[in-house]
C-alpha atoms as a PDB file:
ATOM      1  CA  MET A   1      -5.276  -4.225  19.440  1.00  0.00           C
ATOM      2  CA  TYR A   2      -2.179  -3.007  17.664  1.00  0.00           C
ATOM      3  CA  HIS A   3      -0.918   0.527  17.703  1.00  0.00           C
ATOM      4  CA  LYS A   4      -0.069   2.537  14.661  1.00  0.00           C
ATOM      5  CA  PRO A   5       2.583   5.114  14.962  1.00  0.00           C
ATOM      6  CA  PHE A   6       1.281   8.717  14.733  1.00  0.00           C
ATOM      7  CA  PHE A   7       1.569  10.061  11.283  1.00  0.00           C
ATOM      8  CA  SER A   8       4.468  12.235  10.213  1.00  0.00           C
ATOM      9  CA  LEU A   9       4.228  15.810   9.247  1.00  0.00           C
ATOM     10  CA  PRO A  10       3.772  16.798   5.594  1.00  0.00           C
ATOM     11  CA  ALA A  11       6.702  18.063   3.661  1.00  0.00           C
ATOM     12  CA  TRP A  12       5.050  21.200   2.293  1.00  0.00           C
ATOM     13  CA  ARG A  13       7.044  24.156   1.455  1.00  0.00           C
ATOM     14  CA  GLU A  14       6.142  27.791   2.115  1.00  0.00           C
ATOM     15  CA  PRO A  15       3.849  29.515   2.774  1.00  0.00           C
ATOM     16  CA  PHE A  16       3.929  28.315   6.520  1.00  0.00           C
ATOM     17  CA  SER A  17       2.942  31.063   8.836  1.00  0.00           C
ATOM     18  CA  THR A  18       4.297  31.285  12.387  1.00  0.00           C
ATOM     19  CA  VAL A  19       0.998  32.943  13.443  1.00  0.00           C
ATOM     20  CA  PRO A  20      -0.810  30.341  15.602  1.00  0.00           C
ATOM     21  CA  ARG A  21      -4.360  29.540  14.785  1.00  0.00           C
ATOM     22  CA  CYS A  22      -7.136  27.468  16.424  1.00  0.00           C
ATOM     23  CA  GLN A  23      -9.904  25.354  14.935  1.00  0.00           C
ATOM     24  CA  LEU A  24     -12.883  23.346  16.293  1.00  0.00           C
ATOM     25  CA  ILE A  25     -13.344  20.130  14.406  1.00  0.00           C
ATOM     26  CA  THR A  26     -16.362  17.813  14.828  1.00  0.00           C
ATOM     27  CA  PHE A  27     -16.410  14.179  13.603  1.00  0.00           C
ATOM     28  CA  CYS A  28     -19.843  12.780  13.439  1.00  0.00           C
ATOM     29  CA  THR A  29     -20.734   8.974  13.458  1.00  0.00           C
ATOM     30  CA  TYR A  30     -22.580   7.506  10.431  1.00  0.00           C
ATOM     31  CA  GLN A  31     -26.113   8.637  10.424  1.00  0.00           C
ATOM     32  CA  LYS A  32     -25.618  10.128  13.915  1.00  0.00           C
ATOM     33  CA  GLU A  33     -25.806   6.636  15.480  1.00  0.00           C
ATOM     34  CA  GLU A  34     -24.860   6.559  19.169  1.00  0.00           C
ATOM     35  CA  THR A  35     -21.893   4.109  18.590  1.00  0.00           C
ATOM     36  CA  LEU A  36     -19.427   5.872  20.891  1.00  0.00           C
ATOM     37  CA  GLY A  37     -21.480   5.582  24.168  1.00  0.00           C
ATOM     38  CA  LYS A  38     -24.603   6.637  25.985  1.00  0.00           C
ATOM     39  CA  VAL A  39     -25.473   9.367  28.393  1.00  0.00           C
ATOM     40  CA  LEU A  40     -27.554   7.720  31.099  1.00  0.00           C
ATOM     41  CA  ARG A  41     -29.535   9.327  33.906  1.00  0.00           C
ATOM     42  CA  TYR A  42     -28.924   7.818  37.367  1.00  0.00           C
ATOM     43  CA  GLN A  43     -30.190   9.222  40.677  1.00  0.00           C
ATOM     44  CA  GLY A  44     -30.717  12.652  39.127  1.00  0.00           C
ATOM     45  CA  GLN A  45     -27.136  12.740  37.614  1.00  0.00           C
ATOM     46  CA  HIS A  46     -26.082  12.297  33.949  1.00  0.00           C
ATOM     47  CA  ILE A  47     -23.467   9.564  33.651  1.00  0.00           C
ATOM     48  CA  TRP A  48     -21.322   8.956  30.496  1.00  0.00           C
ATOM     49  CA  ARG A  49     -20.998   5.303  29.641  1.00  0.00           C
ATOM     50  CA  PRO A  50     -18.692   4.857  26.602  1.00  0.00           C
ATOM     51  CA  THR A  51     -18.771   1.834  24.378  1.00  0.00           C
ATOM     52  CA  ALA A  52     -15.554  -0.008  23.334  1.00  0.00           C
ATOM     53  CA  TRP A  53     -15.463   2.300  20.323  1.00  0.00           C
ATOM     54  CA  GLY A  54     -15.748   5.359  22.583  1.00  0.00           C
ATOM     55  CA  MET A  55     -12.920   4.138  24.830  1.00  0.00           C
ATOM     56  CA  ALA A  56     -10.767   3.370  21.672  1.00  0.00           C
ATOM     57  CA  ALA A  57     -11.391   6.942  20.347  1.00  0.00           C
ATOM     58  CA  THR A  58     -10.437   8.335  23.744  1.00  0.00           C
ATOM     59  CA  ARG A  59      -7.110   6.368  23.721  1.00  0.00           C
ATOM     60  CA  ALA A  60      -6.378   7.391  20.139  1.00  0.00           C
ATOM     61  CA  LEU A  61      -6.938  11.041  20.865  1.00  0.00           C
ATOM     62  CA  LYS A  62      -4.788  10.877  23.992  1.00  0.00           C
ATOM     63  CA  ALA A  63      -2.027   9.368  21.946  1.00  0.00           C
ATOM     64  CA  MET A  64      -2.355  12.184  19.431  1.00  0.00           C
ATOM     65  CA  GLN A  65      -2.215  14.752  22.298  1.00  0.00           C
ATOM     66  CA  ARG A  66       1.138  13.167  23.449  1.00  0.00           C
ATOM     67  CA  ASN A  67       2.773  12.931  19.983  1.00  0.00           C
ATOM     68  CA  ASN A  68       1.677  15.640  17.691  1.00  0.00           C
ATOM     69  CA  GLN A  69       3.996  18.693  17.297  1.00  0.00           C
ATOM     70  CA  ILE A  70       2.366  21.092  14.881  1.00  0.00           C
ATOM     71  CA  ALA A  71      -1.438  20.568  15.282  1.00  0.00           C
ATOM     72  CA  ILE A  72      -2.046  20.167  18.940  1.00  0.00           C
ATOM     73  CA  ILE A  73      -5.283  18.787  20.433  1.00  0.00           C
ATOM     74  CA  LYS A  74      -5.789  21.199  23.211  1.00  0.00           C
ATOM     75  CA  GLU A  75      -9.187  19.613  24.296  1.00  0.00           C
ATOM     76  CA  PHE A  76     -11.415  16.925  23.071  1.00  0.00           C
ATOM     77  CA  THR A  77     -14.803  15.495  23.958  1.00  0.00           C
ATOM     78  CA  VAL A  78     -16.266  12.125  22.981  1.00  0.00           C
ATOM     79  CA  MET A  79     -20.015  12.215  22.802  1.00  0.00           C
ATOM     80  CA  PRO A  80     -22.503   9.293  21.889  1.00  0.00           C
ATOM     81  CA  ASN A  81     -22.683  10.283  18.166  1.00  0.00           C
ATOM     82  CA  HIS A  82     -19.752  12.695  17.537  1.00  0.00           C
ATOM     83  CA  ILE A  83     -16.314  13.926  18.689  1.00  0.00           C
ATOM     84  CA  HIS A  84     -15.251  17.622  19.265  1.00  0.00           C
ATOM     85  CA  LEU A  85     -11.600  18.476  18.969  1.00  0.00           C
ATOM     86  CA  PHE A  86     -10.277  21.968  19.732  1.00  0.00           C
ATOM     87  CA  ILE A  87      -7.016  22.226  17.669  1.00  0.00           C
ATOM     88  CA  PHE A  88      -4.160  24.696  18.118  1.00  0.00           C
ATOM     89  CA  TYR A  89      -1.825  24.978  15.172  1.00  0.00           C
ATOM     90  CA  LYS A  90       1.659  26.267  16.159  1.00  0.00           C
ATOM     91  CA  LYS A  91       2.498  26.974  12.550  1.00  0.00           C
ATOM     92  CA  PHE A  92      -0.111  27.299   9.817  1.00  0.00           C
ATOM     93  CA  HIS A  93      -0.217  26.261   6.176  1.00  0.00           C
ATOM     94  CA  PRO A  94      -3.398  26.644   4.071  1.00  0.00           C
ATOM     95  CA  ARG A  95      -3.460  22.902   3.392  1.00  0.00           C
ATOM     96  CA  LEU A  96      -2.850  21.911   6.996  1.00  0.00           C
ATOM     97  CA  PRO A  97      -6.466  21.807   8.317  1.00  0.00           C
ATOM     98  CA  GLU A  98      -7.685  19.471   5.474  1.00  0.00           C
ATOM     99  CA  TRP A  99      -4.672  17.260   5.904  1.00  0.00           C
ATOM    100  CA  PHE A 100      -4.973  17.019   9.743  1.00  0.00           C
ATOM    101  CA  ILE A 101      -8.744  16.242   9.527  1.00  0.00           C
ATOM    102  CA  GLU A 102      -8.033  13.342   7.083  1.00  0.00           C
ATOM    103  CA  LYS A 103      -5.113  11.945   9.123  1.00  0.00           C
ATOM    104  CA  THR A 104      -7.130  12.226  12.424  1.00  0.00           C
ATOM    105  CA  ARG A 105     -10.071  10.402  10.871  1.00  0.00           C
ATOM    106  CA  GLU A 106      -7.707   7.611   9.658  1.00  0.00           C
ATOM    107  CA  PHE A 107      -6.047   7.340  13.022  1.00  0.00           C
ATOM    108  CA  LEU A 108      -9.359   7.241  14.882  1.00  0.00           C
ATOM    109  CA  LEU A 109     -10.677   4.414  12.586  1.00  0.00           C
ATOM    110  CA  TYR A 110      -7.432   2.513  12.847  1.00  0.00           C
ATOM    111  CA  TYR A 111      -7.878   2.544  16.705  1.00  0.00           C
ATOM    112  CA  ILE A 112     -11.606   1.736  16.650  1.00  0.00           C
ATOM    113  CA  GLU A 113     -11.131  -1.280  14.482  1.00  0.00           C
ATOM    114  CA  PRO A 114     -14.710  -2.145  13.479  1.00  0.00           C
ATOM    115  CA  PRO A 115     -15.714  -5.802  12.961  1.00  0.00           C
ATOM    116  CA  ARG A 116     -15.054  -6.955   9.514  1.00  0.00           C
ATOM    117  CA  ASP A 117     -18.715  -7.573   8.765  1.00  0.00           C
ATOM    118  CA  TRP A 118     -19.744  -4.021   9.764  1.00  0.00           C
ATOM    119  CA  PRO A 119     -22.348  -3.079   7.087  1.00  0.00           C
ATOM    120  CA  VAL A 120     -22.044   0.648   7.063  1.00  0.00           C
ATOM    121  CA  PRO A 121     -19.276   3.235   7.416  1.00  0.00           C
ATOM    122  CA  ILE A 122     -18.311   4.425  10.895  1.00  0.00           C
ATOM    123  CA  CYS A 123     -18.352   8.115  10.348  1.00  0.00           C
ATOM    124  CA  GLU A 124     -19.632  10.752   7.858  1.00  0.00           C
END
């Protein structure tokens, strides 16, 4: 797997606000298929078993946590058919959430690297 450098910040002008804001984002897999892993029951316990895609998504999100400066991933959870992100924006611009969601989606898809013959999209 090759690694793509994390995306640079947009060059928007005002109105940036210094008031921090938070956002919960959910990325869903295509048709809610369990492509990121499975939750298994073993000896009365629930065990998370990620697929290769689930592990790749985790690596991508950890890289984003280390490198992003303005939209910080405070917490994330990879589930069988979706990913939750809790985002903290140090500065805020009205276009920032939409930009961040699109760039995060691109970054996740870059890390997951589906097979070339994959017949359907990975996420909705």
